Amino acid sequence: MTSDMRPYPEYKDSGLPWLGRIPAYWGVRASKRMFTESGERARPDDKQLSATQAYGVILQQDYERRVGRKVVRILNHLEKRKHVEEDDFVISMRSFQGGLERAWCRGAIRSSYVVLKPGEGIHVPYFAHLFKSHPYIQALRTTSEFIRDGQDLTFWNFSRVQLPVIPLDEQKAIADYLDANAVEVRRFIRNRRRLIEVLNEQKQAIINRAVTRGLDPDVPMKDSGIDEVGNVPKHWDVRQLGRMGRFSKGNGGTKEDDVAEGVPCIRYGDLYMHYKFFVERSHSHVSTERSCDYTSIQHGDILFAGSGETIEEIGKSAVNLVESRACCGGDVILFRPGMKLVPRFMGYATDCWQGMSQKSRMGRGITIMHIYGDQLKYMWVALPPLPEQTAIVEYLCKATAGIDAAKDHAQREIDLIREHRTRLIADVVTGKVDVRHLAPAPGAELPESGPEDIDETLNGEISEEDEPELVEEAADADD
C-alpha cells in the first residue's frame, strides 16, 4: 500500500473466502441476480466477433488489424451464433486463465460462449476490472471441479461466485482511478519497450558489422559478387549454406508432449518467443520415451523456423548450444554443418540483418509465411578463417554485454510494474484500500476507454494459448 492510499474506516467479514474483509457498508449478492444469461441469436446485420484475453471481445477485423494477419471468416451459419451488445460480458473458453471478457462493440459470437447482460446498479468498467482481478479468477477456478474434460465454463460456474455490492458512484470512482493508473502504467511500459527496441537495433548493428566486415577497420575489402553480401574483407570466403552442410526437416509431436523435466526440445514457436542467435537452455522438454518420435539434434546445429506470420521474421534461427542430448519438433528446419565452424559465429551470421534480409526474400505465402531447406541452402554467409570467427565471437560477447544488461533491467522494470498493477487491482476492487480520494474529480477529462486499453501492454504479450481459441472460432462454421 502506498502512502497516498488508506484503508476504509471500518470493515466486516464478507463471508466469502475470495473476497475476505470488505468495507462495512458493502454487501454481497448472488451473481445471477446481477447478471443474466442472454441466448439471443445473432441478428442479420451482426458482424463477427473474436473473444481474446489480450483485447476483450472485439470485431474480428480489428483483431486481424492488431495482430497483422488474416484469419478465416465465417460466411455461413451466422444464425447459429449469439448476439452480443456493447458492454455485455462474454464467458470465454479460457475464463479460468484470465477472467471474463468485456464486449467493446455489438456483433455475433459462436454459440458455445455464454453472454452476460449487466443488470441495474452495474458500472461495467468496475466489473471489467473485478473480473480480471486475481482473487476473482482464483474463485472462478474453484468451480472447475464440476466441469468434465473438454467442457467449457458455463453460467452455472459463474453463478457459483457471489459478487460485491457497491454504491454505483463508488464503482465509478474505483474504475476511473484504475483507468487513470492504466494510462500511466501503459506510458511507462511503452517507454521501456521503445528503449528495448533501440537497444536491440544497436546490438544488431554491432553484430551485423562484425560478422560481415570483421574487427579491423583498415582491412582491405573486396566485392563478394553477391548483391545480398556486398563488400567483405579480402581474405574472407563467401559460401552458400548448401555447400557447408546439409538440411533436413524436423519431425515431432505437439506441445501436449511437454513435461517439466526431460530431453530438451526446441519447437518452432520457441525459436520466435525465446531464442535469439543461440539456444543455450531449452524452454521445452519431452519425456525420454516421446523423444524417440522427435528429430535428434547436435551441438552446433542451426535451427530455422519453417513458418511465421510476417515476411520480416520468416526463418528466424538460432544455433543449438545445448551440450546434452536434445531434439526438435515439427516445422523446424535443421542445418548440420559438414565442415569445422565456430557455432556462435554461425548463430550470429545466419540471423543478423544480412541473413534476415536474405531469408525474407525466400519466404512464400499469404496468411502464413513458409520457408524450406531447398531455399535456405542458397543463403550466403561471409566466412572468415576459424581464428577470426572465434575473435569476433569474443568481441561481440564483450561489446553487447552492457546492452544485454540494460535490456534485462528495462524488462525487469516492466515485469515489476505489471506485478504491482496486478496487486493494485486486487486490493482496490475488493475494498482493501480506499482510492476514492485519488480518483479523477467529477467532470475531469478522463482517459479514453476502449479495447486499446485492454491490450498486451498491460496483460503481457499475446499468449500462445490465446491463439487456438481464435483460430478455432474463425474456422468453426457449424458451431
Protein backbone atom coordinates (compact mmCIF):
# COMPACT_ATOMS: atom_id res chain seq x y z
CA MET A 1 0.00 0.00 0.00
CA THR A 2 1.47 3.38 -0.98
CA SER A 3 1.41 6.42 1.29
CA ASP A 4 -1.42 8.12 -0.61
CA MET A 5 -3.70 5.11 -0.16
CA ARG A 6 -5.56 4.26 3.01
CA PRO A 7 -7.87 1.56 4.31
CA TYR A 8 -11.59 2.13 4.72
CA PRO A 9 -12.67 3.31 8.22
CA GLU A 10 -14.49 0.11 9.13
CA TYR A 11 -14.55 -3.47 7.81
CA LYS A 12 -16.64 -6.60 8.15
CA ASP A 13 -16.26 -10.21 7.07
CA SER A 14 -17.84 -10.76 3.64
CA GLY A 15 -18.33 -14.46 4.31
CA LEU A 16 -16.60 -15.19 1.01
CA PRO A 17 -13.08 -16.68 1.15
CA TRP A 18 -12.03 -15.00 -2.09
CA LEU A 19 -13.30 -11.56 -1.05
CA GLY A 20 -12.28 -11.60 2.62
CA ARG A 21 -12.90 -8.47 4.71
CA ILE A 22 -14.78 -5.69 2.94
CA PRO A 23 -15.86 -2.14 3.87
CA ALA A 24 -18.63 -2.26 6.43
CA TYR A 25 -21.27 -0.77 4.10
CA TRP A 26 -20.51 -3.07 1.14
CA GLY A 27 -22.64 -6.12 0.56
CA VAL A 28 -22.55 -9.36 -1.39
CA ARG A 29 -25.12 -10.77 -3.76
CA ALA A 30 -25.61 -13.78 -5.98
CA SER A 31 -24.04 -13.06 -9.35
CA LYS A 32 -27.09 -14.39 -11.20
CA ARG A 33 -29.12 -11.56 -9.61
CA MET A 34 -26.68 -9.01 -11.04
CA PHE A 35 -26.06 -10.52 -14.48
CA THR A 36 -28.42 -12.55 -16.63
CA GLU A 37 -27.57 -15.03 -19.34
CA SER A 38 -28.58 -14.00 -22.84
CA GLY A 39 -29.43 -16.57 -25.50
CA GLU A 40 -30.44 -14.12 -28.22
CA ARG A 41 -29.45 -15.39 -31.64
CA ALA A 42 -27.32 -13.36 -33.99
CA ARG A 43 -29.04 -10.64 -35.99
CA PRO A 44 -28.74 -10.43 -39.79
CA ASP A 45 -26.52 -7.34 -39.64
CA ASP A 46 -24.21 -8.66 -36.90
CA LYS A 47 -20.51 -8.70 -37.65
CA GLN A 48 -18.25 -11.47 -36.46
CA LEU A 49 -16.57 -11.01 -33.06
CA SER A 50 -13.49 -12.58 -31.52
CA ALA A 51 -13.08 -13.16 -27.78
CA THR A 52 -9.48 -12.57 -26.71
CA GLN A 53 -7.65 -12.19 -23.43
CA ALA A 54 -5.44 -9.53 -24.97
CA TYR A 55 -8.18 -7.21 -26.28
CA GLY A 56 -11.53 -8.36 -24.87
CA VAL A 57 -14.41 -9.02 -27.27
CA ILE A 58 -13.79 -7.08 -30.47
CA LEU A 59 -14.62 -7.21 -34.15
CA GLN A 60 -12.65 -9.93 -35.85
CA GLN A 61 -11.43 -7.44 -38.44
CA ASP A 62 -9.97 -5.34 -35.61
CA TYR A 63 -8.24 -8.41 -34.20
CA GLU A 64 -6.73 -9.06 -37.64
CA ARG A 65 -5.51 -5.47 -37.81
CA ARG A 66 -3.85 -5.66 -34.39
CA VAL A 67 -2.05 -8.97 -34.91
CA GLY A 68 -1.23 -8.21 -38.53
CA ARG A 69 -2.67 -11.29 -40.18
CA LYS A 70 -5.86 -12.66 -41.65
CA VAL A 71 -7.99 -15.46 -40.23
CA VAL A 72 -10.75 -17.45 -41.90
CA ARG A 73 -14.08 -15.64 -41.92
CA ILE A 74 -17.45 -17.16 -41.16
CA LEU A 75 -19.79 -16.68 -44.10
CA ASN A 76 -22.40 -19.34 -43.28
CA HIS A 77 -24.46 -20.38 -40.25
CA LEU A 78 -24.38 -16.91 -38.73
CA GLU A 79 -27.90 -17.57 -37.44
CA LYS A 80 -26.49 -20.21 -35.09
CA ARG A 81 -24.30 -17.71 -33.31
CA LYS A 82 -25.19 -15.48 -30.36
CA HIS A 83 -25.86 -11.77 -30.40
CA VAL A 84 -23.66 -9.57 -28.21
CA GLU A 85 -24.30 -5.95 -27.27
CA GLU A 86 -21.65 -3.41 -26.33
CA ASP A 87 -20.84 -3.67 -22.59
CA ASP A 88 -22.08 -7.24 -22.33
CA PHE A 89 -19.62 -9.73 -20.88
CA VAL A 90 -18.64 -12.99 -22.54
CA ILE A 91 -17.60 -16.13 -20.71
CA SER A 92 -14.89 -17.47 -22.97
CA MET A 93 -13.35 -20.92 -23.01
CA ARG A 94 -10.31 -19.51 -21.22
CA SER A 95 -12.04 -17.61 -18.44
CA PHE A 96 -10.24 -19.73 -15.86
CA GLN A 97 -6.99 -18.18 -17.11
CA GLY A 98 -7.93 -14.54 -17.48
CA GLY A 99 -11.41 -13.67 -16.27
CA LEU A 100 -14.46 -12.74 -18.28
CA GLU A 101 -14.19 -10.59 -21.38
CA ARG A 102 -15.90 -7.24 -21.87
CA ALA A 103 -17.56 -6.60 -25.24
CA TRP A 104 -16.46 -3.33 -26.81
CA CYS A 105 -19.00 -3.46 -29.64
CA ARG A 106 -22.08 -5.37 -30.80
CA GLY A 107 -21.90 -8.36 -33.08
CA ALA A 108 -22.13 -12.16 -33.15
CA ILE A 109 -20.06 -14.78 -31.38
CA ARG A 110 -20.04 -18.56 -31.51
CA SER A 111 -22.86 -20.31 -29.67
CA SER A 112 -20.59 -22.13 -27.21
CA TYR A 113 -19.83 -18.84 -25.44
CA VAL A 114 -22.02 -17.53 -22.62
CA VAL A 115 -23.21 -13.94 -22.98
CA LEU A 116 -23.89 -11.99 -19.76
CA LYS A 117 -26.08 -8.89 -19.59
CA PRO A 118 -25.45 -6.50 -16.69
CA GLY A 119 -28.44 -5.51 -14.58
CA GLU A 120 -29.25 -2.31 -12.71
CA GLY A 121 -26.64 -0.80 -10.43
CA ILE A 122 -23.77 -2.20 -12.53
CA HIS A 123 -20.97 0.07 -13.67
CA VAL A 124 -19.41 -2.03 -16.43
CA PRO A 125 -15.82 -0.65 -16.18
CA TYR A 126 -15.66 -1.58 -12.48
CA PHE A 127 -16.73 -5.16 -13.14
CA ALA A 128 -14.35 -5.36 -16.09
CA HIS A 129 -11.55 -4.76 -13.58
CA LEU A 130 -13.06 -7.09 -10.98
CA PHE A 131 -13.40 -9.97 -13.46
CA LYS A 132 -9.74 -9.56 -14.42
CA SER A 133 -8.53 -9.49 -10.81
CA HIS A 134 -6.52 -12.37 -9.42
CA PRO A 135 -8.84 -13.10 -6.43
CA TYR A 136 -11.90 -13.38 -8.67
CA ILE A 137 -10.14 -15.60 -11.22
CA GLN A 138 -8.98 -17.88 -8.41
CA ALA A 139 -12.54 -18.07 -7.07
CA LEU A 140 -13.82 -18.95 -10.53
CA ARG A 141 -11.23 -21.70 -10.79
CA THR A 142 -12.59 -23.36 -7.68
CA THR A 143 -15.72 -24.23 -9.66
CA SER A 144 -13.68 -26.14 -12.25
CA GLU A 145 -14.00 -29.41 -10.31
CA PHE A 146 -17.59 -29.55 -11.56
CA ILE A 147 -16.54 -29.38 -15.21
CA ARG A 148 -15.98 -32.50 -17.24
CA ASP A 149 -12.96 -32.75 -19.52
CA GLY A 150 -13.50 -30.77 -22.69
CA GLN A 151 -16.50 -28.88 -21.28
CA ASP A 152 -16.47 -25.10 -21.32
CA LEU A 153 -17.12 -22.79 -18.41
CA THR A 154 -20.87 -22.25 -18.01
CA PHE A 155 -23.26 -19.75 -16.47
CA TRP A 156 -23.62 -22.20 -13.59
CA ASN A 157 -19.94 -21.79 -12.80
CA PHE A 158 -20.27 -18.03 -12.97
CA SER A 159 -23.27 -18.11 -10.64
CA ARG A 160 -21.31 -20.06 -8.00
CA VAL A 161 -19.17 -16.98 -7.22
CA GLN A 162 -21.00 -14.24 -5.33
CA LEU A 163 -20.08 -10.64 -6.12
CA PRO A 164 -19.62 -7.48 -4.06
CA VAL A 165 -22.42 -4.91 -3.99
CA ILE A 166 -21.03 -1.37 -4.01
CA PRO A 167 -22.68 2.04 -4.44
CA LEU A 168 -22.75 3.00 -8.09
CA ASP A 169 -20.79 6.23 -7.61
CA GLU A 170 -18.07 4.30 -5.79
CA GLN A 171 -17.88 1.71 -8.57
CA LYS A 172 -17.30 4.59 -10.96
CA ALA A 173 -14.64 6.20 -8.75
CA ILE A 174 -12.74 2.90 -8.48
CA ALA A 175 -12.92 2.30 -12.24
CA ASP A 176 -11.85 5.88 -13.02
CA TYR A 177 -8.86 5.57 -10.70
CA LEU A 178 -7.77 2.25 -12.24
CA ASP A 179 -8.25 3.60 -15.76
CA ALA A 180 -6.14 6.65 -14.98
CA ASN A 181 -3.49 4.43 -13.41
CA ALA A 182 -3.55 2.23 -16.53
CA VAL A 183 -2.61 5.23 -18.68
CA GLU A 184 0.44 5.91 -16.51
CA VAL A 185 1.46 2.25 -16.47
CA ARG A 186 0.96 1.92 -20.20
CA ARG A 187 3.07 5.01 -20.86
CA PHE A 188 5.85 3.64 -18.65
CA ILE A 189 5.80 0.22 -20.32
CA ARG A 190 5.76 1.65 -23.83
CA ASN A 191 8.73 3.88 -22.99
CA ARG A 192 10.66 0.88 -21.70
CA ARG A 193 9.71 -1.12 -24.78
CA ARG A 194 10.95 1.65 -27.04
CA LEU A 195 14.21 1.62 -25.08
CA ILE A 196 14.49 -2.14 -25.60
CA GLU A 197 13.85 -1.70 -29.32
CA VAL A 198 16.60 0.93 -29.57
CA LEU A 199 18.99 -1.33 -27.66
CA ASN A 200 18.12 -4.26 -29.93
CA GLU A 201 18.84 -2.16 -33.01
CA GLN A 202 22.13 -1.01 -31.52
CA LYS A 203 23.10 -4.61 -30.76
CA GLN A 204 22.08 -5.80 -34.22
CA ALA A 205 24.17 -3.05 -35.85
CA ILE A 206 27.26 -4.08 -33.86
CA ILE A 207 26.72 -7.75 -34.72
CA ASN A 208 25.98 -7.16 -38.40
CA ARG A 209 29.12 -5.09 -38.89
CA ALA A 210 31.34 -7.58 -37.09
CA VAL A 211 30.13 -10.68 -38.97
CA THR A 212 30.21 -9.01 -42.39
CA ARG A 213 33.27 -6.71 -42.16
CA GLY A 214 35.36 -8.11 -39.32
CA LEU A 215 37.06 -6.23 -36.50
CA ASP A 216 39.86 -4.42 -38.37
CA PRO A 217 38.55 -1.10 -39.78
CA ASP A 218 41.57 -0.88 -42.13
CA VAL A 219 41.35 -4.38 -43.61
CA PRO A 220 41.42 -4.47 -47.44
CA MET A 221 37.98 -5.21 -48.87
CA LYS A 222 36.74 -6.99 -51.99
CA ASP A 223 33.45 -7.20 -53.84
CA SER A 224 31.89 -10.54 -52.93
CA GLY A 225 29.99 -10.60 -56.22
CA ILE A 226 26.79 -11.24 -54.28
CA ASP A 227 24.31 -8.37 -54.04
CA GLU A 228 22.98 -9.60 -50.67
CA VAL A 229 26.50 -9.67 -49.20
CA GLY A 230 28.31 -6.72 -50.76
CA ASN A 231 31.93 -5.99 -49.82
CA VAL A 232 33.76 -8.30 -47.42
CA PRO A 233 37.34 -8.50 -46.12
CA LYS A 234 39.65 -9.59 -48.93
CA HIS A 235 40.83 -12.75 -47.14
CA TRP A 236 37.29 -13.97 -46.28
CA ASP A 237 35.40 -16.66 -48.15
CA VAL A 238 31.76 -16.33 -49.23
CA ARG A 239 29.74 -19.54 -49.30
CA GLN A 240 26.19 -20.77 -49.55
CA LEU A 241 24.88 -22.84 -46.66
CA GLY A 242 24.11 -25.72 -49.02
CA ARG A 243 27.86 -26.05 -49.67
CA MET A 244 28.72 -26.01 -45.98
CA GLY A 245 26.49 -28.81 -44.71
CA ARG A 246 23.10 -30.44 -45.19
CA PHE A 247 19.49 -29.57 -44.42
CA SER A 248 16.77 -31.81 -43.04
CA LYS A 249 13.22 -31.36 -41.78
CA GLY A 250 12.36 -31.73 -38.12
CA ASN A 251 9.59 -34.07 -37.03
CA GLY A 252 7.81 -34.43 -33.72
CA GLY A 253 4.61 -34.19 -31.75
CA THR A 254 2.86 -31.22 -30.17
CA LYS A 255 3.19 -29.12 -27.02
CA GLU A 256 0.93 -31.66 -25.31
CA ASP A 257 4.06 -33.82 -25.06
CA ASP A 258 5.83 -31.20 -22.92
CA VAL A 259 6.97 -32.20 -19.43
CA ALA A 260 8.68 -30.23 -16.68
CA GLU A 261 11.93 -32.14 -16.99
CA GLY A 262 13.26 -34.46 -19.68
CA VAL A 263 15.00 -34.28 -23.03
CA PRO A 264 15.48 -30.65 -24.22
CA CYS A 265 13.19 -29.96 -27.18
CA ILE A 266 13.34 -26.92 -29.46
CA ARG A 267 9.99 -26.09 -31.06
CA TYR A 268 9.47 -23.62 -33.87
CA GLY A 269 7.35 -21.42 -31.60
CA ASP A 270 10.22 -21.29 -29.10
CA LEU A 271 12.52 -20.04 -31.86
CA TYR A 272 10.27 -16.98 -32.15
CA MET A 273 9.49 -16.46 -28.49
CA HIS A 274 12.55 -17.43 -26.50
CA TYR A 275 15.78 -17.62 -28.53
CA LYS A 276 17.97 -15.05 -30.24
CA PHE A 277 21.08 -16.30 -32.05
CA PHE A 278 21.65 -19.17 -29.57
CA VAL A 279 19.81 -21.96 -27.77
CA GLU A 280 21.77 -22.32 -24.55
CA ARG A 281 18.99 -23.72 -22.38
CA SER A 282 15.84 -25.33 -23.70
CA HIS A 283 12.46 -23.80 -22.94
CA SER A 284 10.59 -27.08 -23.63
CA HIS A 285 11.21 -30.70 -22.69
CA VAL A 286 9.72 -34.07 -23.64
CA SER A 287 9.99 -37.44 -21.94
CA THR A 288 12.72 -39.86 -22.96
CA GLU A 289 10.08 -42.16 -24.43
CA ARG A 290 8.42 -39.45 -26.52
CA SER A 291 11.77 -38.02 -27.65
CA CYS A 292 12.20 -41.09 -29.88
CA ASP A 293 9.48 -39.65 -32.12
CA TYR A 294 11.32 -36.34 -32.47
CA THR A 295 14.30 -35.39 -34.63
CA SER A 296 17.59 -35.62 -32.77
CA ILE A 297 19.85 -32.53 -32.89
CA GLN A 298 23.52 -32.00 -32.09
CA HIS A 299 25.60 -29.19 -30.62
CA GLY A 300 26.31 -26.69 -33.43
CA ASP A 301 23.20 -27.49 -35.48
CA ILE A 302 21.39 -24.39 -36.74
CA LEU A 303 17.59 -24.44 -36.35
CA PHE A 304 15.32 -22.38 -38.61
CA ALA A 305 11.60 -21.76 -38.00
CA GLY A 306 9.80 -23.12 -41.06
CA SER A 307 6.78 -20.82 -40.84
CA GLY A 308 5.74 -17.47 -39.40
CA GLU A 309 3.21 -14.68 -39.60
CA THR A 310 5.32 -11.99 -41.27
CA ILE A 311 7.79 -11.94 -44.14
CA GLU A 312 10.26 -9.99 -41.97
CA GLU A 313 10.51 -12.77 -39.37
CA ILE A 314 10.39 -15.83 -41.60
CA GLY A 315 13.16 -18.34 -40.98
CA LYS A 316 14.15 -16.95 -37.56
CA SER A 317 17.08 -19.08 -36.48
CA ALA A 318 19.36 -19.98 -33.59
CA VAL A 319 22.30 -22.32 -33.18
CA ASN A 320 21.97 -25.20 -30.72
CA LEU A 321 24.49 -24.89 -27.88
CA VAL A 322 22.82 -27.41 -25.56
CA GLU A 323 25.52 -29.86 -24.54
CA SER A 324 23.25 -32.76 -23.65
CA ARG A 325 21.04 -34.88 -25.88
CA ALA A 326 18.35 -32.74 -27.49
CA CYS A 327 15.67 -32.87 -30.17
CA CYS A 328 13.47 -30.58 -32.25
CA GLY A 329 9.81 -30.65 -33.23
CA GLY A 330 7.96 -30.27 -36.48
CA ASP A 331 8.15 -27.18 -38.70
CA VAL A 332 11.80 -26.76 -37.73
CA ILE A 333 14.43 -26.85 -40.49
CA LEU A 334 17.69 -28.34 -39.32
CA PHE A 335 21.10 -27.40 -40.77
CA ARG A 336 24.04 -29.58 -39.79
CA PRO A 337 27.49 -28.22 -40.75
CA GLY A 338 29.75 -30.55 -42.72
CA MET A 339 32.88 -28.51 -42.01
CA LYS A 340 34.50 -27.03 -38.94
CA LEU A 341 32.83 -23.80 -37.91
CA VAL A 342 32.53 -21.76 -34.73
CA PRO A 343 28.90 -22.36 -33.67
CA ARG A 344 28.36 -18.97 -32.03
CA PHE A 345 29.69 -17.18 -35.10
CA MET A 346 27.20 -19.08 -37.26
CA GLY A 347 24.42 -18.20 -34.86
CA TYR A 348 25.22 -14.53 -35.39
CA ALA A 349 25.81 -14.84 -39.15
CA THR A 350 22.54 -16.60 -40.00
CA ASP A 351 20.26 -14.24 -38.07
CA CYS A 352 21.99 -10.87 -38.41
CA TRP A 353 20.37 -8.19 -40.58
CA GLN A 354 22.10 -9.53 -43.68
CA GLY A 355 20.85 -13.06 -43.00
CA MET A 356 17.33 -11.91 -42.15
CA SER A 357 17.17 -9.89 -45.39
CA GLN A 358 18.04 -12.95 -47.45
CA LYS A 359 15.50 -15.14 -45.64
CA SER A 360 12.73 -12.57 -46.10
CA ARG A 361 13.21 -12.81 -49.89
CA MET A 362 12.84 -16.57 -49.71
CA GLY A 363 9.59 -16.63 -47.73
CA ARG A 364 6.41 -17.67 -49.52
CA GLY A 365 2.76 -17.47 -48.51
CA ILE A 366 -0.22 -15.19 -47.98
CA THR A 367 -1.64 -15.56 -44.46
CA ILE A 368 1.17 -17.76 -43.12
CA MET A 369 4.70 -17.48 -44.49
CA HIS A 370 6.79 -20.60 -45.16
CA ILE A 371 10.44 -21.26 -45.91
CA TYR A 372 12.17 -24.52 -46.83
CA GLY A 373 15.60 -26.10 -46.77
CA ASP A 374 15.69 -26.08 -50.57
CA GLN A 375 15.57 -22.28 -50.36
CA LEU A 376 17.84 -21.82 -47.34
CA LYS A 377 20.64 -23.77 -48.98
CA TYR A 378 21.14 -20.74 -51.27
CA MET A 379 21.68 -18.39 -48.33
CA TRP A 380 25.11 -16.69 -48.48
CA VAL A 381 27.40 -16.33 -45.48
CA ALA A 382 30.61 -14.29 -45.29
CA LEU A 383 33.06 -16.72 -43.73
CA PRO A 384 36.33 -15.61 -42.05
CA PRO A 385 39.07 -18.08 -41.01
CA LEU A 386 38.35 -20.05 -37.82
CA PRO A 387 40.63 -17.97 -35.52
CA GLU A 388 38.89 -14.82 -36.71
CA GLN A 389 35.46 -16.38 -36.15
CA THR A 390 36.49 -17.01 -32.54
CA ALA A 391 37.86 -13.46 -32.15
CA ILE A 392 34.60 -11.97 -33.50
CA VAL A 393 32.54 -14.05 -31.07
CA GLU A 394 34.71 -12.96 -28.12
CA TYR A 395 34.46 -9.32 -29.19
CA LEU A 396 30.67 -9.47 -29.56
CA CYS A 397 30.28 -11.12 -26.18
CA LYS A 398 32.01 -8.14 -24.53
CA ALA A 399 30.60 -5.44 -26.83
CA THR A 400 26.97 -6.45 -26.29
CA ALA A 401 27.14 -7.39 -22.58
CA GLY A 402 26.25 -3.85 -21.47
CA ILE A 403 23.39 -3.69 -23.95
CA ASP A 404 22.00 -7.01 -22.72
CA ALA A 405 22.23 -5.82 -19.11
CA ALA A 406 20.32 -2.63 -19.96
CA LYS A 407 17.65 -4.64 -21.79
CA ASP A 408 17.30 -7.04 -18.84
CA HIS A 409 16.95 -4.10 -16.46
CA ALA A 410 14.23 -2.50 -18.62
CA GLN A 411 12.37 -5.81 -18.86
CA ARG A 412 12.55 -6.29 -15.08
CA GLU A 413 11.02 -2.83 -14.65
CA ILE A 414 8.17 -3.86 -16.97
CA ASP A 415 7.63 -7.09 -15.05
CA LEU A 416 7.66 -5.31 -11.70
CA ILE A 417 5.17 -2.64 -12.71
CA ARG A 418 2.85 -5.32 -14.10
CA GLU A 419 3.09 -7.22 -10.82
CA HIS A 420 2.37 -4.01 -8.93
CA ARG A 421 -0.69 -3.29 -11.07
CA THR A 422 -1.98 -6.84 -10.58
CA ARG A 423 -1.77 -6.40 -6.80
CA LEU A 424 -3.23 -2.90 -7.02
CA ILE A 425 -6.29 -4.03 -8.95
CA ALA A 426 -6.89 -6.88 -6.50
CA ASP A 427 -6.65 -4.58 -3.47
CA VAL A 428 -8.79 -1.81 -4.96
CA VAL A 429 -11.69 -3.83 -6.40
CA THR A 430 -12.04 -5.91 -3.22
CA GLY A 431 -12.01 -2.89 -0.90
CA LYS A 432 -8.68 -3.48 0.80
CA VAL A 433 -7.67 0.11 0.03
CA ASP A 434 -9.76 3.24 -0.45
CA VAL A 435 -8.89 5.21 -3.59
CA ARG A 436 -11.99 7.40 -3.84
CA HIS A 437 -9.94 10.48 -2.91
CA LEU A 438 -7.44 9.61 -5.65
CA ALA A 439 -9.97 9.20 -8.44
CA PRO A 440 -10.18 11.96 -11.06
CA ALA A 441 -12.53 14.73 -9.92
CA PRO A 442 -16.10 14.69 -11.28
CA GLY A 443 -16.13 16.45 -14.63
CA ALA A 444 -12.39 15.98 -15.13
CA GLU A 445 -11.25 14.75 -18.52
CA LEU A 446 -10.74 11.01 -18.22
CA PRO A 447 -8.53 8.84 -20.38
CA GLU A 448 -10.49 7.43 -23.27
CA SER A 449 -11.55 3.89 -22.54
CA GLY A 450 -11.62 1.31 -25.28
CA PRO A 451 -10.24 -2.02 -26.43
CA GLU A 452 -6.84 -0.42 -27.00
CA ASP A 453 -6.62 -0.14 -23.20
CA ILE A 454 -7.11 -3.87 -22.68
CA ASP A 455 -4.08 -4.92 -24.63
CA GLU A 456 -0.79 -6.76 -24.38
CA THR A 457 0.88 -3.65 -22.97
CA LEU A 458 -0.77 -4.30 -19.60
CA ASN A 459 -1.51 -8.00 -19.84
CA GLY A 460 1.75 -9.19 -21.35
CA GLU A 461 2.32 -10.47 -24.85
CA ILE A 462 -0.48 -12.30 -26.58
CA SER A 463 -0.08 -15.77 -25.19
CA GLU A 464 0.33 -18.90 -27.26
CA GLU A 465 -2.78 -20.20 -25.51
CA ASP A 466 -4.86 -17.31 -26.88
CA GLU A 467 -4.34 -18.34 -30.49
CA PRO A 468 -6.09 -21.76 -30.70
CA GLU A 469 -9.34 -20.27 -29.42
CA LEU A 470 -9.25 -17.55 -32.05
CA VAL A 471 -8.37 -19.92 -34.86
CA GLU A 472 -11.00 -22.40 -33.79
CA GLU A 473 -13.59 -19.68 -33.60
CA ALA A 474 -12.76 -18.48 -37.08
CA ALA A 475 -12.71 -21.93 -38.61
CA ASP A 476 -15.77 -23.45 -36.94
CA ALA A 477 -18.66 -22.55 -39.24
CA ASP A 478 -21.05 -25.20 -38.00
CA ASP A 479 -20.75 -24.48 -34.28
